[in-house]
């Protein structure tokens, strides 16, 4: 199993969720996060004064998938989250050693 973590622009969340649902993904976790990459933040104006915003608002989507679905999930996220502009985000894939559904005690792929 793999944990797919995608850091995306907030307005792309619904499109990503719909793309994953279309693949049969039944659950995911979403967190509001802040960060920066090559964008290096942005400049804002408040009451006539210019100031720098170091961290940009993003959304982190996390989903655990079986190995056979990994490529389709990553491609679906990339297609749904992409705008072709800087700041579209990143996708990270991490190995999941163990999973357990607390309610039933199911483990492995059945727990996902």
N, C-alpha and C. Protein backbone atom coordinates (compact mmCIF):
# COMPACT_ATOMS: atom_id res chain seq x y z
N UNK A 1 0.84 -1.18 0.00
CA UNK A 1 0.00 0.00 0.00
C UNK A 1 0.88 1.24 0.00
N UNK A 2 0.32 2.31 -0.51
CA UNK A 2 1.04 3.58 -0.59
C UNK A 2 0.18 4.70 -0.03
N UNK A 3 0.84 5.66 0.60
CA UNK A 3 0.19 6.89 1.03
C UNK A 3 0.55 7.95 0.00
N UNK A 4 -0.47 8.51 -0.65
CA UNK A 4 -0.28 9.57 -1.63
C UNK A 4 -0.65 10.88 -0.95
N UNK A 5 0.32 11.80 -0.88
CA UNK A 5 0.10 13.12 -0.31
C UNK A 5 0.24 14.14 -1.42
N UNK A 6 -0.79 14.94 -1.61
CA UNK A 6 -0.76 15.96 -2.65
C UNK A 6 -0.98 17.32 -2.01
N UNK A 7 -0.08 18.25 -2.29
CA UNK A 7 -0.21 19.63 -1.84
C UNK A 7 -0.69 20.41 -3.06
N UNK A 8 -1.91 20.97 -2.97
CA UNK A 8 -2.52 21.59 -4.15
C UNK A 8 -3.09 22.96 -3.81
N UNK A 9 -3.49 23.69 -4.85
CA UNK A 9 -4.17 24.97 -4.66
C UNK A 9 -5.57 24.71 -4.11
N UNK A 10 -6.01 25.50 -3.15
CA UNK A 10 -7.32 25.25 -2.52
C UNK A 10 -8.50 25.17 -3.48
N UNK A 11 -8.52 25.99 -4.52
CA UNK A 11 -9.67 25.99 -5.42
C UNK A 11 -9.73 24.75 -6.31
N UNK A 12 -8.70 23.90 -6.27
CA UNK A 12 -8.68 22.67 -7.06
C UNK A 12 -9.17 21.45 -6.27
N UNK A 13 -9.51 21.65 -5.00
CA UNK A 13 -9.88 20.52 -4.14
C UNK A 13 -11.08 19.75 -4.67
N UNK A 14 -12.14 20.42 -5.07
CA UNK A 14 -13.33 19.71 -5.55
C UNK A 14 -13.02 18.88 -6.80
N UNK A 15 -12.22 19.42 -7.70
CA UNK A 15 -11.88 18.68 -8.91
C UNK A 15 -11.06 17.44 -8.57
N UNK A 16 -10.14 17.56 -7.63
CA UNK A 16 -9.32 16.41 -7.22
C UNK A 16 -10.20 15.36 -6.55
N UNK A 17 -11.09 15.79 -5.67
CA UNK A 17 -12.00 14.84 -4.99
C UNK A 17 -12.86 14.10 -6.00
N UNK A 18 -13.41 14.82 -6.97
CA UNK A 18 -14.23 14.18 -7.99
C UNK A 18 -13.43 13.18 -8.83
N UNK A 19 -12.19 13.53 -9.17
CA UNK A 19 -11.35 12.63 -9.96
C UNK A 19 -11.04 11.35 -9.17
N UNK A 20 -10.78 11.48 -7.88
CA UNK A 20 -10.49 10.30 -7.06
C UNK A 20 -11.74 9.46 -6.84
N UNK A 21 -12.87 10.10 -6.65
CA UNK A 21 -14.13 9.37 -6.48
C UNK A 21 -14.45 8.57 -7.74
N UNK A 22 -14.16 9.13 -8.90
CA UNK A 22 -14.41 8.44 -10.16
C UNK A 22 -13.56 7.18 -10.29
N UNK A 23 -12.41 7.14 -9.60
CA UNK A 23 -11.55 5.95 -9.62
C UNK A 23 -11.98 4.91 -8.59
N UNK A 24 -12.95 5.26 -7.76
CA UNK A 24 -13.40 4.33 -6.74
C UNK A 24 -12.80 4.56 -5.37
N UNK A 25 -12.08 5.65 -5.20
CA UNK A 25 -11.51 5.97 -3.88
C UNK A 25 -12.67 6.33 -2.96
N UNK A 26 -12.73 5.67 -1.79
CA UNK A 26 -13.87 5.86 -0.89
C UNK A 26 -13.56 6.78 0.27
N UNK A 27 -12.31 7.12 0.49
CA UNK A 27 -12.00 7.99 1.61
C UNK A 27 -10.69 8.71 1.40
N UNK A 28 -10.62 9.91 1.94
CA UNK A 28 -9.39 10.68 1.88
C UNK A 28 -9.39 11.67 3.04
N UNK A 29 -8.25 12.22 3.31
CA UNK A 29 -8.10 13.21 4.37
C UNK A 29 -7.64 14.51 3.75
N UNK A 30 -8.24 15.62 4.19
CA UNK A 30 -7.89 16.94 3.67
C UNK A 30 -7.50 17.83 4.84
N UNK A 31 -6.38 18.55 4.68
CA UNK A 31 -5.92 19.50 5.70
C UNK A 31 -5.60 20.82 5.03
N UNK A 32 -5.93 21.91 5.72
CA UNK A 32 -5.51 23.23 5.25
C UNK A 32 -4.09 23.44 5.76
N UNK A 33 -3.18 23.76 4.85
CA UNK A 33 -1.78 23.95 5.21
C UNK A 33 -1.26 25.25 4.59
N UNK A 34 -0.09 25.67 5.00
CA UNK A 34 0.57 26.83 4.41
C UNK A 34 2.00 26.44 4.10
N UNK A 35 2.54 27.04 3.05
CA UNK A 35 3.91 26.74 2.68
C UNK A 35 4.35 27.57 1.50
N UNK A 36 5.56 27.30 1.04
CA UNK A 36 6.05 27.96 -0.16
C UNK A 36 7.05 27.07 -0.84
N UNK A 37 7.19 27.29 -2.11
CA UNK A 37 8.17 26.58 -2.92
C UNK A 37 8.86 27.60 -3.80
N UNK A 38 8.82 27.37 -5.08
CA UNK A 38 9.45 28.30 -6.02
C UNK A 38 8.73 29.63 -6.09
N UNK A 39 7.46 29.67 -5.64
CA UNK A 39 6.72 30.92 -5.66
C UNK A 39 7.34 31.95 -4.72
N UNK A 40 7.98 31.50 -3.66
CA UNK A 40 8.62 32.37 -2.67
C UNK A 40 7.65 33.34 -2.02
N UNK A 41 6.43 32.91 -1.82
CA UNK A 41 5.45 33.79 -1.20
C UNK A 41 4.94 34.81 -2.20
N UNK A 42 4.32 35.84 -1.69
CA UNK A 42 3.79 36.87 -2.57
C UNK A 42 3.75 38.19 -1.82
N UNK A 43 3.56 39.27 -2.55
CA UNK A 43 3.49 40.60 -1.96
C UNK A 43 2.04 41.05 -1.91
N UNK A 44 1.63 41.56 -0.76
CA UNK A 44 0.27 42.06 -0.55
C UNK A 44 0.34 43.53 -0.17
N UNK A 45 -0.78 44.23 -0.33
CA UNK A 45 -0.87 45.62 0.10
C UNK A 45 -1.98 45.72 1.14
N UNK A 46 -1.65 46.28 2.31
CA UNK A 46 -2.61 46.45 3.38
C UNK A 46 -2.52 47.88 3.88
N UNK A 47 -3.64 48.62 3.79
CA UNK A 47 -3.69 50.03 4.19
C UNK A 47 -2.57 50.85 3.56
N UNK A 48 -2.34 50.58 2.29
CA UNK A 48 -1.36 51.36 1.54
C UNK A 48 0.07 50.92 1.72
N UNK A 49 0.33 49.99 2.62
CA UNK A 49 1.70 49.52 2.85
C UNK A 49 1.87 48.15 2.21
N UNK A 50 2.99 47.96 1.55
CA UNK A 50 3.29 46.69 0.91
C UNK A 50 4.02 45.80 1.90
N UNK A 51 3.62 44.54 1.97
CA UNK A 51 4.31 43.60 2.85
C UNK A 51 4.36 42.24 2.18
N UNK A 52 5.27 41.41 2.62
CA UNK A 52 5.49 40.12 2.02
C UNK A 52 4.79 39.02 2.82
N UNK A 53 4.10 38.13 2.12
CA UNK A 53 3.47 36.98 2.73
C UNK A 53 4.37 35.79 2.44
N UNK A 54 4.98 35.25 3.49
CA UNK A 54 5.97 34.18 3.30
C UNK A 54 5.35 32.83 2.97
N UNK A 55 4.18 32.56 3.53
CA UNK A 55 3.55 31.26 3.34
C UNK A 55 2.22 31.42 2.61
N UNK A 56 2.02 30.57 1.61
CA UNK A 56 0.80 30.62 0.81
C UNK A 56 -0.17 29.54 1.27
N UNK A 57 -1.47 29.81 1.25
CA UNK A 57 -2.44 28.78 1.64
C UNK A 57 -2.49 27.67 0.60
N UNK A 58 -2.46 26.45 1.07
CA UNK A 58 -2.56 25.26 0.22
C UNK A 58 -3.48 24.27 0.91
N UNK A 59 -3.79 23.19 0.21
CA UNK A 59 -4.56 22.09 0.77
C UNK A 59 -3.75 20.83 0.59
N UNK A 60 -3.70 20.01 1.65
CA UNK A 60 -3.02 18.72 1.56
C UNK A 60 -4.07 17.62 1.53
N UNK A 61 -4.03 16.82 0.48
CA UNK A 61 -4.94 15.69 0.32
C UNK A 61 -4.12 14.42 0.54
N UNK A 62 -4.60 13.55 1.43
CA UNK A 62 -3.92 12.29 1.70
C UNK A 62 -4.87 11.13 1.44
N UNK A 63 -4.36 10.13 0.75
CA UNK A 63 -5.16 8.95 0.45
C UNK A 63 -4.23 7.73 0.42
N UNK A 64 -4.69 6.64 1.03
CA UNK A 64 -3.94 5.38 1.01
C UNK A 64 -4.57 4.49 -0.05
N UNK A 65 -3.71 3.95 -0.92
CA UNK A 65 -4.21 3.12 -2.03
C UNK A 65 -3.39 1.84 -2.12
N UNK A 66 -4.01 0.83 -2.73
CA UNK A 66 -3.25 -0.39 -3.01
C UNK A 66 -2.27 -0.10 -4.14
N UNK A 67 -1.20 -0.87 -4.20
CA UNK A 67 -0.13 -0.61 -5.16
C UNK A 67 -0.64 -0.56 -6.60
N UNK A 68 -1.62 -1.40 -6.93
CA UNK A 68 -2.12 -1.48 -8.30
C UNK A 68 -2.84 -0.20 -8.74
N UNK A 69 -3.32 0.59 -7.79
CA UNK A 69 -4.05 1.83 -8.13
C UNK A 69 -3.15 3.06 -8.14
N UNK A 70 -1.92 2.92 -7.69
CA UNK A 70 -1.04 4.07 -7.48
C UNK A 70 -0.91 4.96 -8.72
N UNK A 71 -0.54 4.39 -9.84
CA UNK A 71 -0.31 5.21 -11.03
C UNK A 71 -1.56 5.96 -11.47
N UNK A 72 -2.72 5.31 -11.40
CA UNK A 72 -3.97 5.97 -11.80
C UNK A 72 -4.33 7.10 -10.85
N UNK A 73 -4.08 6.90 -9.56
CA UNK A 73 -4.40 7.93 -8.57
C UNK A 73 -3.49 9.14 -8.76
N UNK A 74 -2.19 8.90 -8.93
CA UNK A 74 -1.25 10.01 -9.11
C UNK A 74 -1.59 10.78 -10.39
N UNK A 75 -1.90 10.08 -11.46
CA UNK A 75 -2.25 10.74 -12.72
C UNK A 75 -3.54 11.55 -12.58
N UNK A 76 -4.53 11.00 -11.88
CA UNK A 76 -5.80 11.69 -11.70
C UNK A 76 -5.60 12.98 -10.91
N UNK A 77 -4.78 12.92 -9.86
CA UNK A 77 -4.50 14.12 -9.07
C UNK A 77 -3.77 15.15 -9.92
N UNK A 78 -2.77 14.70 -10.66
CA UNK A 78 -2.00 15.63 -11.50
C UNK A 78 -2.90 16.33 -12.52
N UNK A 79 -3.77 15.57 -13.16
CA UNK A 79 -4.65 16.15 -14.17
C UNK A 79 -5.65 17.12 -13.54
N UNK A 80 -6.23 16.74 -12.40
CA UNK A 80 -7.27 17.55 -11.79
C UNK A 80 -6.71 18.79 -11.11
N UNK A 81 -5.50 18.71 -10.56
CA UNK A 81 -4.93 19.82 -9.79
C UNK A 81 -4.12 20.78 -10.66
N UNK A 82 -3.75 20.36 -11.84
CA UNK A 82 -2.87 21.17 -12.67
C UNK A 82 -3.55 22.36 -13.32
N UNK A 83 -2.83 23.48 -13.32
CA UNK A 83 -3.27 24.67 -14.05
C UNK A 83 -2.22 25.07 -15.08
N UNK A 84 -1.03 24.48 -14.96
CA UNK A 84 0.06 24.85 -15.84
C UNK A 84 0.83 26.06 -15.37
N UNK A 85 0.49 26.55 -14.18
CA UNK A 85 1.16 27.74 -13.64
C UNK A 85 1.95 27.36 -12.40
N UNK A 86 2.89 28.20 -12.06
CA UNK A 86 3.71 27.97 -10.88
C UNK A 86 2.81 27.89 -9.64
N UNK A 87 3.16 26.99 -8.72
CA UNK A 87 2.40 26.84 -7.49
C UNK A 87 1.31 25.78 -7.55
N UNK A 88 1.28 24.98 -8.63
CA UNK A 88 0.28 23.92 -8.73
C UNK A 88 0.42 22.89 -7.61
N UNK A 89 1.62 22.71 -7.10
CA UNK A 89 1.81 21.82 -5.96
C UNK A 89 2.74 20.67 -6.23
N UNK A 90 2.68 19.70 -5.32
CA UNK A 90 3.54 18.52 -5.39
C UNK A 90 2.73 17.30 -5.00
N UNK A 91 3.20 16.14 -5.44
CA UNK A 91 2.63 14.85 -5.03
C UNK A 91 3.78 14.02 -4.48
N UNK A 92 3.57 13.46 -3.29
CA UNK A 92 4.55 12.60 -2.66
C UNK A 92 3.92 11.23 -2.44
N UNK A 93 4.72 10.18 -2.60
CA UNK A 93 4.25 8.81 -2.38
C UNK A 93 5.15 8.15 -1.35
N UNK A 94 4.51 7.57 -0.32
CA UNK A 94 5.24 6.95 0.79
C UNK A 94 4.70 5.54 0.99
N UNK A 95 5.58 4.62 1.29
CA UNK A 95 5.18 3.24 1.59
C UNK A 95 4.42 3.18 2.91
N UNK A 96 3.33 2.42 2.94
CA UNK A 96 2.56 2.20 4.16
C UNK A 96 2.85 0.78 4.63
N UNK A 97 3.44 0.67 5.82
CA UNK A 97 3.82 -0.65 6.34
C UNK A 97 2.63 -1.40 6.92
N UNK A 98 1.68 -0.68 7.51
CA UNK A 98 0.58 -1.36 8.17
C UNK A 98 -0.62 -0.42 8.25
N UNK A 99 -1.80 -0.98 8.14
CA UNK A 99 -3.04 -0.21 8.31
C UNK A 99 -4.02 -1.05 9.11
N UNK A 100 -4.80 -0.40 9.98
CA UNK A 100 -5.77 -1.10 10.80
C UNK A 100 -7.02 -0.25 10.93
N UNK A 101 -8.17 -0.86 10.64
CA UNK A 101 -9.45 -0.17 10.84
C UNK A 101 -9.84 -0.38 12.31
N UNK A 102 -9.93 0.69 13.05
CA UNK A 102 -10.15 0.62 14.49
C UNK A 102 -11.47 -0.09 14.82
N UNK A 103 -12.52 0.25 14.12
CA UNK A 103 -13.85 -0.30 14.44
C UNK A 103 -13.91 -1.81 14.30
N UNK A 104 -13.36 -2.36 13.20
CA UNK A 104 -13.53 -3.79 12.91
C UNK A 104 -12.28 -4.63 13.17
N UNK A 105 -11.14 -3.98 13.26
CA UNK A 105 -9.90 -4.73 13.43
C UNK A 105 -9.31 -5.23 12.13
N UNK A 106 -9.95 -4.89 11.00
CA UNK A 106 -9.41 -5.30 9.70
C UNK A 106 -8.03 -4.67 9.51
N UNK A 107 -7.17 -5.39 8.80
CA UNK A 107 -5.82 -4.89 8.56
C UNK A 107 -5.49 -4.93 7.07
N UNK A 108 -4.39 -4.27 6.72
CA UNK A 108 -3.93 -4.27 5.34
C UNK A 108 -4.89 -3.56 4.41
N UNK A 109 -5.00 -4.08 3.19
CA UNK A 109 -5.84 -3.45 2.16
C UNK A 109 -7.32 -3.43 2.57
N UNK A 110 -7.77 -4.38 3.37
CA UNK A 110 -9.17 -4.40 3.81
C UNK A 110 -9.46 -3.22 4.73
N UNK A 111 -8.46 -2.71 5.41
CA UNK A 111 -8.65 -1.58 6.32
C UNK A 111 -8.79 -0.26 5.58
N UNK A 112 -8.33 -0.24 4.35
CA UNK A 112 -8.38 0.99 3.57
C UNK A 112 -9.75 1.14 3.00
